[in-house]
């Protein structure tokens, strides 16, 4: 009955396959990386389940080319089906059990272009981390020498050249040279981040979908390109609320005995996208004074009732739903009407 269903536990070099024979007996097989595509090219067309992890989208694309139906599943939902101790074959069996369940939350298989866009964002975020590390190290090392710089990158950019030129402080020739190298490294990282920003802007302007996204208030090139890479055509979600929920922008729930208890936002899913959406919403809230369009009036009333933070999250939630709708319907954004 389940001979056309396979649980595939992927790894770097060794892959584990679990399926059932027509007689209902388990079939387990170990494959080397070089054997995987050849094995499934000669296997009957099947439903193959894969746990979301590094390389999952690549293998899903390759197996789809062979004609198989592939579903990628969140590891959190697969874990509930693991029997006994964790090992590779038990993981493959859990994937086999999970992939046929109804209402399964799948991870949409990403195209190579979507992964390329995510790659640019990953590089940019890593450069930002390196820059923050350099700034924090400069501030910490200067404080050990009795020189205190205020928080923030701009403070370091402004004060460090003045400190290096000040011949009356206690910096030695060696320490002055080291701080000069740190400052040069900071400038290099600034330029590299700006280069990634320009690349992201070019990506945003070269895709119709991201250009539509950028018309939404609070959505810039960063958010537009990243959401485009994440949501795709939007077909992986039944509605906009499900997409907002996948980003952790809906209330968590702890209900029992018929009593509904709603908590703060669940903070599930992609933290980076959620952060960008909320930061964009805060930027919109800073400029609603004096505006009379429907969105601004709604936000003003919400700020009065619940405060800025709740209003920012509410707008981020609304924007996530709007972006899903634009992706699904391939329509241009229609601004809110003036009251």
Protein backbone atom coordinates (compact mmCIF):
# COMPACT_ATOMS: atom_id res chain seq x y z
CA UNK A 1 0.00 0.00 0.00
CA UNK A 2 2.83 2.41 0.88
CA UNK A 3 5.39 1.11 -1.60
CA UNK A 4 5.25 4.43 -3.49
CA UNK A 5 6.06 6.47 -0.36
CA UNK A 6 9.65 6.99 0.77
CA UNK A 7 11.23 8.64 3.77
CA UNK A 8 14.65 9.98 2.81
CA UNK A 9 17.06 11.13 5.52
CA UNK A 10 19.68 13.25 3.76
CA UNK A 11 23.18 14.11 4.96
CA UNK A 12 26.53 15.14 3.53
CA UNK A 13 27.66 11.76 2.24
CA UNK A 14 25.43 8.96 3.59
CA UNK A 15 21.67 8.87 2.90
CA UNK A 16 19.11 6.56 4.52
CA UNK A 17 15.97 5.35 2.75
CA UNK A 18 12.91 3.91 4.46
CA UNK A 19 9.82 2.52 2.71
CA UNK A 20 7.38 -0.38 2.97
CA UNK A 21 6.98 -3.37 0.69
CA UNK A 22 3.58 -4.35 -0.71
CA UNK A 23 3.50 -7.02 1.99
CA UNK A 24 3.83 -4.36 4.65
CA UNK A 25 7.43 -5.12 5.58
CA UNK A 26 9.90 -2.28 6.15
CA UNK A 27 12.63 -1.75 3.58
CA UNK A 28 15.77 0.07 4.66
CA UNK A 29 18.63 1.06 2.41
CA UNK A 30 21.83 3.08 2.75
CA UNK A 31 23.01 5.17 -0.20
CA UNK A 32 26.19 7.09 -0.81
CA UNK A 33 25.84 10.61 -2.14
CA UNK A 34 26.97 9.56 -5.61
CA UNK A 35 24.34 6.79 -5.72
CA UNK A 36 21.25 8.81 -4.83
CA UNK A 37 20.19 10.18 -8.21
CA UNK A 38 20.97 6.94 -10.05
CA UNK A 39 18.94 4.96 -7.49
CA UNK A 40 15.86 7.17 -7.75
CA UNK A 41 16.15 7.46 -11.54
CA UNK A 42 15.52 3.73 -11.69
CA UNK A 43 12.88 3.71 -8.92
CA UNK A 44 9.14 3.90 -9.57
CA UNK A 45 7.68 7.39 -9.29
CA UNK A 46 7.04 8.00 -5.61
CA UNK A 47 6.15 10.49 -2.95
CA UNK A 48 9.45 11.30 -1.25
CA UNK A 49 9.57 13.05 2.10
CA UNK A 50 12.64 15.07 3.13
CA UNK A 51 13.30 16.88 6.39
CA UNK A 52 14.10 20.59 5.98
CA UNK A 53 17.86 21.01 6.44
CA UNK A 54 20.97 21.98 4.53
CA UNK A 55 20.76 20.70 0.95
CA UNK A 56 17.05 19.82 1.16
CA UNK A 57 16.01 22.25 -1.59
CA UNK A 58 18.78 21.02 -3.90
CA UNK A 59 17.78 17.37 -3.53
CA UNK A 60 14.10 18.22 -3.85
CA UNK A 61 14.75 19.98 -7.16
CA UNK A 62 16.87 17.11 -8.48
CA UNK A 63 14.33 14.45 -7.49
CA UNK A 64 11.50 16.47 -9.02
CA UNK A 65 13.43 16.49 -12.30
CA UNK A 66 13.25 12.69 -12.20
CA UNK A 67 9.46 12.89 -11.91
CA UNK A 68 9.04 12.19 -8.21
CA UNK A 69 6.68 14.12 -5.95
CA UNK A 70 8.83 15.64 -3.20
CA UNK A 71 7.69 17.22 0.06
CA UNK A 72 10.01 19.07 2.43
CA UNK A 73 8.82 19.11 6.04
CA UNK A 74 9.78 21.22 9.01
CA UNK A 75 11.98 19.21 11.36
CA UNK A 76 9.77 20.18 14.29
CA UNK A 77 6.82 18.27 12.85
CA UNK A 78 8.91 15.24 11.89
CA UNK A 79 10.35 14.90 15.39
CA UNK A 80 6.96 13.87 16.81
CA UNK A 81 7.07 10.67 14.71
CA UNK A 82 10.51 9.47 15.84
CA UNK A 83 10.24 6.10 17.61
CA UNK A 84 12.86 5.06 20.15
CA UNK A 85 16.33 6.53 20.13
CA UNK A 86 17.45 8.94 17.46
CA UNK A 87 19.37 7.36 14.60
CA UNK A 88 19.38 7.75 10.84
CA UNK A 89 16.99 4.92 10.05
CA UNK A 90 14.57 6.02 12.78
CA UNK A 91 14.69 9.53 11.30
CA UNK A 92 13.94 8.15 7.83
CA UNK A 93 11.03 6.14 9.24
CA UNK A 94 9.68 9.24 11.00
CA UNK A 95 9.84 11.15 7.72
CA UNK A 96 8.01 8.25 6.03
CA UNK A 97 5.25 8.38 8.68
CA UNK A 98 4.97 12.19 8.59
CA UNK A 99 4.87 12.76 4.83
CA UNK A 100 1.48 11.08 4.33
CA UNK A 101 -0.29 12.89 7.15
CA UNK A 102 -3.16 15.22 6.14
CA UNK A 103 -2.83 18.97 6.67
CA UNK A 104 0.95 18.62 6.67
CA UNK A 105 2.77 21.94 6.75
CA UNK A 106 5.20 21.73 3.88
CA UNK A 107 8.21 23.87 3.13
CA UNK A 108 7.92 25.16 -0.43
CA UNK A 109 10.80 23.99 -2.59
CA UNK A 110 12.88 27.02 -3.51
CA UNK A 111 14.27 27.68 -6.94
CA UNK A 112 17.96 28.36 -7.50
CA UNK A 113 17.15 32.04 -8.08
CA UNK A 114 15.36 32.27 -4.73
CA UNK A 115 18.35 30.72 -3.00
CA UNK A 116 20.67 33.17 -4.78
CA UNK A 117 18.71 36.10 -3.34
CA UNK A 118 18.88 34.56 0.12
CA UNK A 119 22.62 34.09 -0.40
CA UNK A 120 23.11 37.84 -0.95
CA UNK A 121 21.17 38.59 2.23
CA UNK A 122 23.21 36.02 4.19
CA UNK A 123 26.46 37.60 2.99
CA UNK A 124 25.21 41.05 3.96
CA UNK A 125 24.16 39.90 7.44
CA UNK A 126 27.52 38.22 8.00
CA UNK A 127 29.31 41.45 7.03
CA UNK A 128 27.14 43.36 9.50
CA UNK A 129 28.09 40.91 12.26
CA UNK A 130 31.77 41.36 11.44
CA UNK A 131 31.37 45.14 11.49
CA UNK A 132 29.61 45.03 14.87
CA UNK A 133 32.41 42.84 16.22
CA UNK A 134 35.06 45.30 15.02
CA UNK A 135 33.18 48.26 16.52
CA UNK A 136 32.70 46.51 19.86
CA UNK A 137 36.35 45.50 19.99
CA UNK A 138 37.48 49.06 19.27
CA UNK A 139 35.25 50.44 22.02
CA UNK A 140 36.36 47.77 24.50
CA UNK A 141 40.08 48.18 23.84
CA UNK A 142 39.85 51.97 24.03
CA UNK A 143 37.98 51.78 27.33
CA UNK A 144 40.90 49.80 28.80
CA UNK A 145 43.06 52.80 27.96
CA UNK A 146 40.71 55.27 29.61
CA UNK A 147 39.05 56.43 26.40
CA UNK A 148 35.28 55.94 26.26
CA UNK A 149 33.27 56.18 23.04
CA UNK A 150 29.48 56.30 23.03
CA UNK A 151 27.41 53.43 21.67
CA UNK A 152 26.77 53.15 17.97
CA UNK A 153 28.80 52.74 14.81
CA UNK A 154 28.57 56.43 13.93
CA UNK A 155 30.18 57.36 17.23
CA UNK A 156 33.18 55.17 16.42
CA UNK A 157 33.40 56.54 12.88
CA UNK A 158 33.42 60.08 14.25
CA UNK A 159 35.59 59.74 17.34
CA UNK A 160 38.28 57.24 16.32
CA UNK A 161 40.03 59.51 13.75
CA UNK A 162 40.07 62.31 16.36
CA UNK A 163 41.58 59.94 18.93
CA UNK A 164 44.25 58.75 16.49
CA UNK A 165 45.24 62.35 15.68
CA UNK A 166 45.34 63.39 19.33
CA UNK A 167 49.00 63.26 20.34
CA UNK A 168 48.27 64.03 24.00
CA UNK A 169 46.42 60.83 24.88
CA UNK A 170 48.15 57.76 26.30
CA UNK A 171 48.05 55.66 23.13
CA UNK A 172 51.42 54.15 22.28
CA UNK A 173 52.81 53.97 18.77
CA UNK A 174 51.93 50.26 18.59
CA UNK A 175 48.34 50.66 19.85
CA UNK A 176 47.80 53.66 17.58
CA UNK A 177 48.85 51.54 14.58
CA UNK A 178 46.52 48.70 15.64
CA UNK A 179 43.55 51.05 16.03
CA UNK A 180 44.32 52.58 12.64
CA UNK A 181 44.15 49.07 11.12
CA UNK A 182 40.81 48.49 12.89
CA UNK A 183 39.50 51.75 11.47
CA UNK A 184 40.59 50.75 7.98
CA UNK A 185 38.87 47.39 8.44
CA UNK A 186 35.70 49.20 9.54
CA UNK A 187 35.76 51.34 6.39
CA UNK A 188 36.31 48.25 4.24
CA UNK A 189 33.31 46.51 5.81
CA UNK A 190 31.21 49.64 5.26
CA UNK A 191 32.06 49.56 1.57
CA UNK A 192 31.35 45.83 1.29
CA UNK A 193 27.94 46.26 2.94
CA UNK A 194 27.14 49.16 0.59
CA UNK A 195 28.08 46.93 -2.35
CA UNK A 196 25.61 44.29 -1.17
CA UNK A 197 22.96 47.00 -0.71
CA UNK A 198 23.48 48.10 -4.31
CA UNK A 199 23.22 44.49 -5.46
CA UNK A 200 19.96 44.05 -3.54
CA UNK A 201 18.56 47.26 -5.03
CA UNK A 202 19.41 45.99 -8.51
CA UNK A 203 17.71 42.67 -7.76
CA UNK A 204 14.64 44.52 -6.50
CA UNK A 205 14.42 46.66 -9.65
CA UNK A 206 14.94 43.70 -11.98
CA UNK A 207 11.92 41.67 -10.80
CA UNK A 208 8.30 42.68 -11.28
CA UNK A 209 7.24 40.97 -8.07
CA UNK A 210 9.75 42.74 -5.84
CA UNK A 211 8.90 46.09 -7.48
CA UNK A 212 5.25 45.50 -6.61
CA UNK A 213 6.26 44.63 -3.05
CA UNK A 214 8.30 47.84 -2.73
CA UNK A 215 5.15 49.92 -3.34
CA UNK A 216 3.71 48.75 0.00
CA UNK A 217 4.29 51.25 2.86
CA UNK A 218 7.12 50.04 5.08
CA UNK A 219 8.60 47.71 2.45
CA UNK A 220 12.00 48.57 1.00
CA UNK A 221 14.39 46.68 -1.30
CA UNK A 222 15.71 44.50 1.55
CA UNK A 223 12.29 43.26 2.61
CA UNK A 224 10.91 43.10 -0.94
CA UNK A 225 13.67 40.84 -2.26
CA UNK A 226 13.80 38.63 0.81
CA UNK A 227 10.04 38.07 0.91
CA UNK A 228 10.10 37.36 -2.83
CA UNK A 229 12.70 34.67 -2.21
CA UNK A 230 10.70 33.29 0.72
CA UNK A 231 7.09 33.32 -0.46
CA UNK A 232 7.64 32.70 -4.18
CA UNK A 233 4.23 32.57 -5.87
CA UNK A 234 2.49 32.23 -2.50
CA UNK A 235 1.04 28.82 -3.41
CA UNK A 236 2.67 27.20 -0.39
CA UNK A 237 0.21 28.95 1.94
CA UNK A 238 -3.60 28.70 1.93
CA UNK A 239 -4.07 32.37 2.78
CA UNK A 240 -2.28 35.50 3.97
CA UNK A 241 -2.90 34.72 7.63
CA UNK A 242 -1.03 31.43 7.28
CA UNK A 243 1.94 33.27 5.79
CA UNK A 244 1.90 35.84 8.62
CA UNK A 245 1.66 32.95 11.10
CA UNK A 246 4.66 31.23 9.48
CA UNK A 247 6.68 34.38 10.27
CA UNK A 248 5.56 34.43 13.92
CA UNK A 249 3.46 37.60 13.54
CA UNK A 250 0.26 36.17 15.07
CA UNK A 251 -0.53 35.61 18.77
CA UNK A 252 0.63 32.43 20.40
CA UNK A 253 -2.12 30.37 22.00
CA UNK A 254 -2.40 28.41 25.25
CA UNK A 255 -6.03 27.34 25.43
CA UNK A 256 -7.73 24.58 27.39
CA UNK A 257 -11.20 23.62 28.58
CA UNK A 258 -12.87 25.81 25.98
CA UNK A 259 -11.12 28.92 27.30
CA UNK A 260 -9.04 30.72 24.67
CA UNK A 261 -5.88 32.33 25.99
CA UNK A 262 -3.90 34.42 23.52
CA UNK A 263 -0.28 35.32 24.25
CA UNK A 264 2.24 37.60 22.57
CA UNK A 265 3.36 36.93 19.01
CA UNK A 266 4.66 33.39 18.54
CA UNK A 267 8.00 34.49 16.97
CA UNK A 268 8.09 31.36 14.82
CA UNK A 269 9.73 31.10 11.45
CA UNK A 270 12.19 33.44 9.78
CA UNK A 271 13.38 35.96 12.37
CA UNK A 272 15.15 38.08 9.76
CA UNK A 273 12.00 38.67 7.68
CA UNK A 274 9.95 39.33 10.82
CA UNK A 275 12.50 41.90 11.99
CA UNK A 276 12.53 43.68 8.64
CA UNK A 277 8.73 43.83 8.52
CA UNK A 278 8.52 45.28 12.04
CA UNK A 279 11.30 47.81 11.42
CA UNK A 280 9.54 48.89 8.24
CA UNK A 281 6.28 49.25 10.17
CA UNK A 282 8.01 51.47 12.76
CA UNK A 283 9.24 53.71 9.94
CA UNK A 284 5.66 54.10 8.68
CA UNK A 285 4.41 54.95 12.19
CA UNK A 286 6.90 57.81 12.43
CA UNK A 287 5.24 59.59 9.49
CA UNK A 288 1.48 59.13 10.06
CA UNK A 289 0.99 62.52 11.70
CA UNK A 290 -1.19 64.79 9.58
CA UNK A 291 -2.10 62.04 7.10
CA UNK A 292 -5.78 61.27 6.47
CA UNK A 293 -5.65 58.07 4.42
CA UNK A 294 -7.41 54.97 5.74
CA UNK A 295 -4.19 53.22 6.79
CA UNK A 296 -2.86 56.22 8.76
CA UNK A 297 -6.17 56.76 10.54
CA UNK A 298 -6.29 53.09 11.50
CA UNK A 299 -2.73 53.23 12.81
CA UNK A 300 -3.38 56.42 14.81
CA UNK A 301 -6.38 54.84 16.51
CA UNK A 302 -4.39 51.67 17.20
CA UNK A 303 -1.48 53.61 18.71
CA UNK A 304 -3.89 55.47 21.03
CA UNK A 305 -5.49 52.21 22.18
CA UNK A 306 -2.53 49.83 22.37
CA UNK A 307 0.71 51.77 21.94
CA UNK A 308 3.46 51.94 19.32
CA UNK A 309 4.81 48.40 19.70
CA UNK A 310 1.47 46.67 19.18
CA UNK A 311 0.70 48.97 16.26
CA UNK A 312 4.07 48.14 14.64
CA UNK A 313 3.46 44.40 14.91
CA UNK A 314 -0.12 44.81 13.63
CA UNK A 315 1.12 46.69 10.57
CA UNK A 316 3.86 44.10 10.01
CA UNK A 317 1.18 41.40 10.12
CA UNK A 318 -0.98 43.33 7.65
CA UNK A 319 1.98 43.86 5.33
CA UNK A 320 2.83 40.15 5.38
CA UNK A 321 -0.73 39.37 4.28
CA UNK A 322 -0.62 42.06 1.59
CA UNK A 323 2.66 40.71 0.23
CA UNK A 324 1.21 37.20 0.08
CA UNK A 325 -1.82 38.53 -1.81
CA UNK A 326 0.38 40.44 -4.29
CA UNK A 327 2.49 37.32 -4.87
CA UNK A 328 -0.53 35.06 -5.35
CA UNK A 329 -2.59 37.35 -7.58
CA UNK A 330 0.35 39.01 -9.39
CA UNK A 331 -1.40 42.38 -9.04
CA UNK A 332 -0.07 45.86 -8.28
CA UNK A 333 -0.50 47.34 -4.82
CA UNK A 334 -3.48 49.68 -4.44
CA UNK A 335 -2.75 52.42 -1.85
CA UNK A 336 -5.23 53.14 0.94
CA UNK A 337 -7.87 55.72 0.08
CA UNK A 338 -7.91 59.19 1.60
CA UNK A 339 -10.74 59.52 4.10
